[in-house]
Amino acid sequence: MPTGSRPRNMNRATSCATPVAAKRWVPRLGLPLGLRPLVVRIRACYPAPMSKCDNRKDEILRQLAENAKPVAEITSYSIDRGIYGFFLRKGCLSVRRQKSAAGNGALLYLGKTESSQKVRDAGQHLADGGTGHSTLRRSLGALLREQLKLKPQPRSDSETSTRRFTNFKFDAAGEERLTAWMKNHLSLGFYELTELTITELRACEKGLIKPAKPALNIVHNPEGPYRAELKSARGECVRLAREWAGRD
């Protein structure tokens, strides 16, 4: 195609292929400064390809719910990567002024494991001391802090970044009480997706969270029903972790 000509399938009104003359370059992109809006227009004309799990969203969410087992009864975990879902099996979970975050059997948290379910779910989400590396445990702990008498602390004494506070953990006894609560109240489902690449798996997780709106997911969940309350509760834990670090 001659330089500056317009591809036949481009809408003239969108000016997707309008040539732009530019003399100054953007080092980070390796493109002329004037081409940055052009790149955006071209992307709009050529949408991103459909995710490999887009056609299976309903199936994956259904299978997660149907195959979920009480955490206390799980004796083995998959060694493959995939999508997992934690469900509230019994009782309720209070969220500030809301009476409960979900009813029995409702999806609380959805995530992915890029290595294996054994590493992510058993080794972090359901492990005493795993709160510093588990968004699920931090969110649950923030909501159950007073009920379980949890004491937020920095996740590491040697870490120098602020993540030691934002990725807080709880005192040792509190970690055990949180794990016990999870085993008594939650069920867990898993859907293996070994055929997906890591990039595709991340896209799949994002695509599932948006329609499902799990109560405890914050990332990729802008319409989550308890997003504001959850962030506030976690923010209080960050404040208490900082306070604990400066107690001396």
Protein backbone atom coordinates (compact mmCIF):
# COMPACT_ATOMS: atom_id res chain seq x y z
CA MET A 1 0.00 0.00 0.00
CA PRO A 2 1.46 3.41 -0.95
CA THR A 3 2.68 5.57 1.93
CA GLY A 4 -0.07 7.82 3.31
CA SER A 5 -2.95 5.98 1.61
CA ARG A 6 -6.02 4.86 3.58
CA PRO A 7 -6.83 1.16 4.05
CA ARG A 8 -10.13 0.29 2.42
CA ASN A 9 -11.75 -1.00 5.58
CA MET A 10 -11.06 2.15 7.63
CA ASN A 11 -13.90 4.54 8.27
CA ARG A 12 -13.06 7.97 6.88
CA ALA A 13 -14.92 9.69 9.71
CA THR A 14 -12.61 8.20 12.31
CA SER A 15 -9.47 9.31 10.42
CA CYS A 16 -7.82 6.06 11.52
CA ALA A 17 -5.02 6.30 8.97
CA THR A 18 -4.57 10.03 8.66
CA PRO A 19 -0.84 10.56 8.02
CA VAL A 20 0.88 12.72 10.60
CA ALA A 21 4.10 14.57 10.03
CA ALA A 22 6.29 14.84 13.10
CA LYS A 23 9.85 15.89 13.72
CA ARG A 24 10.18 15.16 17.43
CA TRP A 25 10.40 11.54 18.59
CA VAL A 26 9.19 9.91 21.79
CA PRO A 27 12.12 7.77 22.98
CA ARG A 28 10.01 5.45 25.13
CA LEU A 29 7.66 4.55 22.30
CA GLY A 30 10.14 4.86 19.46
CA LEU A 31 7.51 6.82 17.51
CA PRO A 32 7.10 10.42 16.40
CA LEU A 33 5.21 12.42 19.01
CA GLY A 34 2.44 13.15 16.53
CA LEU A 35 1.83 9.45 15.94
CA ARG A 36 0.71 8.76 19.52
CA PRO A 37 -2.93 9.74 18.87
CA LEU A 38 -2.72 7.88 15.56
CA VAL A 39 -1.81 4.68 17.39
CA VAL A 40 -4.87 5.10 19.61
CA ARG A 41 -7.10 5.64 16.58
CA ILE A 42 -5.74 2.58 14.82
CA ARG A 43 -6.33 0.45 17.94
CA ALA A 44 -9.92 1.68 18.01
CA CYS A 45 -10.34 0.56 14.40
CA TYR A 46 -8.83 -2.83 15.12
CA PRO A 47 -10.22 -4.04 18.50
CA ALA A 48 -8.21 -6.48 20.60
CA PRO A 49 -8.89 -10.11 19.74
CA MET A 50 -11.39 -12.01 21.89
CA SER A 51 -9.91 -13.71 24.94
CA LYS A 52 -9.68 -17.50 24.67
CA CYS A 53 -12.00 -17.90 27.66
CA ASP A 54 -14.59 -15.29 26.63
CA ASN A 55 -16.86 -17.99 25.24
CA ARG A 56 -16.49 -20.04 28.42
CA LYS A 57 -17.19 -17.40 31.07
CA ASP A 58 -20.57 -18.81 32.08
CA GLU A 59 -19.22 -22.35 32.09
CA ILE A 60 -16.20 -21.45 34.23
CA LEU A 61 -18.28 -19.55 36.81
CA ARG A 62 -20.84 -22.37 36.91
CA GLN A 63 -18.18 -25.06 37.33
CA LEU A 64 -16.45 -23.10 40.09
CA ALA A 65 -19.70 -23.01 42.06
CA GLU A 66 -20.73 -26.60 41.36
CA ASN A 67 -17.33 -28.09 42.14
CA ALA A 68 -16.64 -25.99 45.25
CA LYS A 69 -15.86 -28.05 48.35
CA PRO A 70 -15.69 -26.96 51.99
CA VAL A 71 -12.13 -25.83 52.60
CA ALA A 72 -11.88 -28.02 55.70
CA GLU A 73 -12.61 -31.11 53.58
CA ILE A 74 -10.07 -30.49 50.82
CA THR A 75 -7.18 -32.93 51.08
CA SER A 76 -5.35 -32.26 47.80
CA TYR A 77 -4.84 -29.36 45.42
CA SER A 78 -4.25 -29.21 41.68
CA ILE A 79 -0.67 -28.83 40.48
CA ASP A 80 -1.88 -26.96 37.38
CA ARG A 81 -2.65 -23.30 36.80
CA GLY A 82 -6.16 -21.96 36.43
CA ILE A 83 -8.96 -19.92 38.01
CA TYR A 84 -10.17 -20.41 41.59
CA GLY A 85 -13.17 -19.09 43.48
CA PHE A 86 -13.83 -18.83 47.22
CA PHE A 87 -17.48 -19.01 48.30
CA LEU A 88 -19.19 -18.21 51.58
CA ARG A 89 -20.43 -21.63 52.65
CA LYS A 90 -22.18 -20.70 55.87
CA GLY A 91 -22.89 -17.72 58.06
CA CYS A 92 -22.47 -14.16 56.86
CA LEU A 93 -19.72 -11.59 56.50
CA SER A 94 -20.47 -8.11 57.80
CA VAL A 95 -19.20 -5.13 55.83
CA ARG A 96 -19.39 -1.96 57.90
CA ARG A 97 -23.01 -0.82 57.80
CA GLN A 98 -24.01 -3.55 55.39
CA LYS A 99 -25.49 -6.57 57.13
CA SER A 100 -23.53 -9.08 55.08
CA ALA A 101 -21.21 -9.22 52.10
CA ALA A 102 -22.88 -12.31 50.71
CA GLY A 103 -25.35 -15.03 51.49
CA ASN A 104 -24.55 -18.71 51.81
CA GLY A 105 -22.79 -20.06 48.72
CA ALA A 106 -22.11 -16.64 47.21
CA LEU A 107 -18.85 -15.95 45.38
CA LEU A 108 -16.58 -13.90 47.65
CA TYR A 109 -13.30 -13.85 45.77
CA LEU A 110 -12.07 -14.92 42.33
CA GLY A 111 -8.44 -15.18 41.30
CA LYS A 112 -5.89 -16.95 39.14
CA THR A 113 -2.84 -19.01 39.87
CA GLU A 114 -0.01 -18.77 37.37
CA SER A 115 1.87 -21.68 38.93
CA SER A 116 -0.51 -24.12 40.58
CA GLN A 117 -3.49 -24.19 42.90
CA LYS A 118 -1.33 -25.96 45.47
CA VAL A 119 1.11 -23.05 45.56
CA ARG A 120 -1.43 -20.21 45.54
CA ASP A 121 -4.43 -21.50 47.50
CA ALA A 122 -2.83 -23.97 49.90
CA GLY A 123 0.52 -22.18 50.21
CA GLN A 124 -0.72 -18.60 50.61
CA HIS A 125 -4.48 -18.04 50.91
CA LEU A 126 -5.00 -20.86 53.41
CA ALA A 127 -1.65 -20.75 55.19
CA ASP A 128 -0.97 -19.26 58.61
CA GLY A 129 1.31 -16.30 58.04
CA GLY A 130 0.28 -15.95 54.39
CA THR A 131 -1.64 -12.68 54.76
CA GLY A 132 1.26 -10.55 53.53
CA HIS A 133 1.06 -12.34 50.19
CA SER A 134 -2.71 -12.86 49.96
CA THR A 135 -5.21 -10.19 48.94
CA LEU A 136 -8.01 -12.49 50.05
CA ARG A 137 -6.64 -12.86 53.58
CA ARG A 138 -6.02 -9.11 53.91
CA SER A 139 -9.57 -8.31 52.81
CA LEU A 140 -11.17 -10.94 55.04
CA GLY A 141 -8.95 -10.00 57.96
CA ALA A 142 -9.79 -6.32 57.58
CA LEU A 143 -13.50 -7.13 57.84
CA LEU A 144 -13.06 -9.65 60.67
CA ARG A 145 -10.41 -7.66 62.57
CA GLU A 146 -12.51 -6.82 65.62
CA GLN A 147 -14.44 -10.10 65.68
CA LEU A 148 -11.27 -12.21 65.58
CA LYS A 149 -9.13 -9.74 67.53
CA LEU A 150 -6.54 -9.47 64.75
CA LYS A 151 -3.55 -7.17 65.17
CA PRO A 152 -2.20 -5.74 61.87
CA GLN A 153 1.59 -5.66 61.55
CA PRO A 154 4.09 -4.96 58.75
CA ARG A 155 4.59 -8.14 56.74
CA SER A 156 8.38 -7.85 57.02
CA ASP A 157 10.94 -6.22 59.30
CA SER A 158 13.59 -6.09 56.58
CA GLU A 159 11.48 -4.75 53.69
CA THR A 160 12.08 -1.05 53.08
CA SER A 161 9.22 -0.14 50.73
CA THR A 162 5.76 0.98 51.85
CA ARG A 163 4.41 -2.36 50.67
CA ARG A 164 5.40 -3.79 54.04
CA PHE A 165 2.45 -1.80 55.38
CA THR A 166 -0.03 -1.98 52.49
CA ASN A 167 0.57 -5.75 52.31
CA PHE A 168 0.19 -6.13 56.05
CA LYS A 169 -0.06 -9.37 57.99
CA PHE A 170 -1.53 -10.16 61.42
CA ASP A 171 0.00 -11.35 64.68
CA ALA A 172 0.78 -15.08 64.79
CA ALA A 173 -2.22 -16.03 66.91
CA GLY A 174 -4.45 -13.86 64.74
CA GLU A 175 -3.19 -15.57 61.58
CA GLU A 176 -4.23 -18.93 63.04
CA ARG A 177 -7.69 -17.63 63.96
CA LEU A 178 -8.17 -16.20 60.46
CA THR A 179 -7.20 -19.52 58.85
CA ALA A 180 -9.57 -21.40 61.16
CA TRP A 181 -12.43 -19.03 60.22
CA MET A 182 -11.74 -19.57 56.50
CA LYS A 183 -11.74 -23.35 56.90
CA ASN A 184 -15.01 -23.27 58.82
CA HIS A 185 -16.89 -20.80 56.60
CA LEU A 186 -15.55 -21.00 53.03
CA SER A 187 -15.67 -23.42 50.15
CA LEU A 188 -13.27 -23.45 47.22
CA GLY A 189 -13.69 -24.28 43.54
CA PHE A 190 -11.01 -24.59 40.86
CA TYR A 191 -11.05 -24.66 37.06
CA GLU A 192 -7.87 -25.79 35.31
CA LEU A 193 -6.76 -23.77 32.29
CA THR A 194 -3.43 -25.30 31.38
CA GLU A 195 -3.86 -24.50 27.70
CA LEU A 196 -3.71 -20.74 28.32
CA THR A 197 -0.53 -18.71 28.40
CA ILE A 198 0.10 -16.52 31.45
CA THR A 199 -1.02 -13.45 29.48
CA GLU A 200 -4.21 -15.20 28.41
CA LEU A 201 -4.85 -16.40 31.95
CA ARG A 202 -4.57 -12.85 33.28
CA ALA A 203 -7.02 -11.65 30.64
CA CYS A 204 -9.37 -14.48 31.58
CA GLU A 205 -9.30 -13.53 35.27
CA LYS A 206 -10.07 -9.91 34.43
CA GLY A 207 -12.89 -10.91 32.10
CA LEU A 208 -14.51 -13.09 34.78
CA ILE A 209 -14.29 -10.62 37.65
CA LYS A 210 -16.14 -7.86 35.82
CA PRO A 211 -19.47 -9.68 35.34
CA ALA A 212 -19.25 -11.77 38.54
CA LYS A 213 -18.49 -8.79 40.85
CA PRO A 214 -17.09 -10.89 43.73
CA ALA A 215 -17.57 -9.11 47.05
CA LEU A 216 -13.89 -9.15 48.10
CA ASN A 217 -12.18 -8.37 44.79
CA ILE A 218 -10.94 -4.78 44.39
CA VAL A 219 -8.73 -4.94 41.28
CA HIS A 220 -10.70 -5.22 37.99
CA ASN A 221 -13.91 -4.78 40.04
CA PRO A 222 -14.88 -1.08 39.86
CA GLU A 223 -18.56 -1.92 40.35
CA GLY A 224 -17.97 -4.24 43.29
CA PRO A 225 -20.82 -3.78 45.79
CA TYR A 226 -18.54 -3.29 48.80
CA ARG A 227 -15.50 -1.74 47.16
CA ALA A 228 -15.51 1.53 49.15
CA GLU A 229 -16.15 -0.17 52.50
CA LEU A 230 -13.49 -2.78 51.84
CA LYS A 231 -10.84 -0.23 50.90
CA SER A 232 -11.67 1.75 54.05
CA ALA A 233 -11.35 -1.33 56.28
CA ARG A 234 -8.02 -2.26 54.71
CA GLY A 235 -6.84 1.32 55.04
CA GLU A 236 -7.45 1.12 58.77
CA CYS A 237 -5.29 -2.01 58.93
CA VAL A 238 -2.49 -0.19 57.10
CA ARG A 239 -2.72 2.63 59.66
CA LEU A 240 -2.54 0.15 62.55
CA ALA A 241 0.42 -1.67 60.96
CA ARG A 242 2.31 1.64 60.75
CA GLU A 243 1.39 2.37 64.34
CA TRP A 244 2.64 -1.04 65.43
CA ALA A 245 5.95 -0.49 63.61
CA GLY A 246 6.51 2.79 65.45
CA ARG A 247 5.55 1.49 68.89
CA ASP A 248 9.16 1.68 70.14
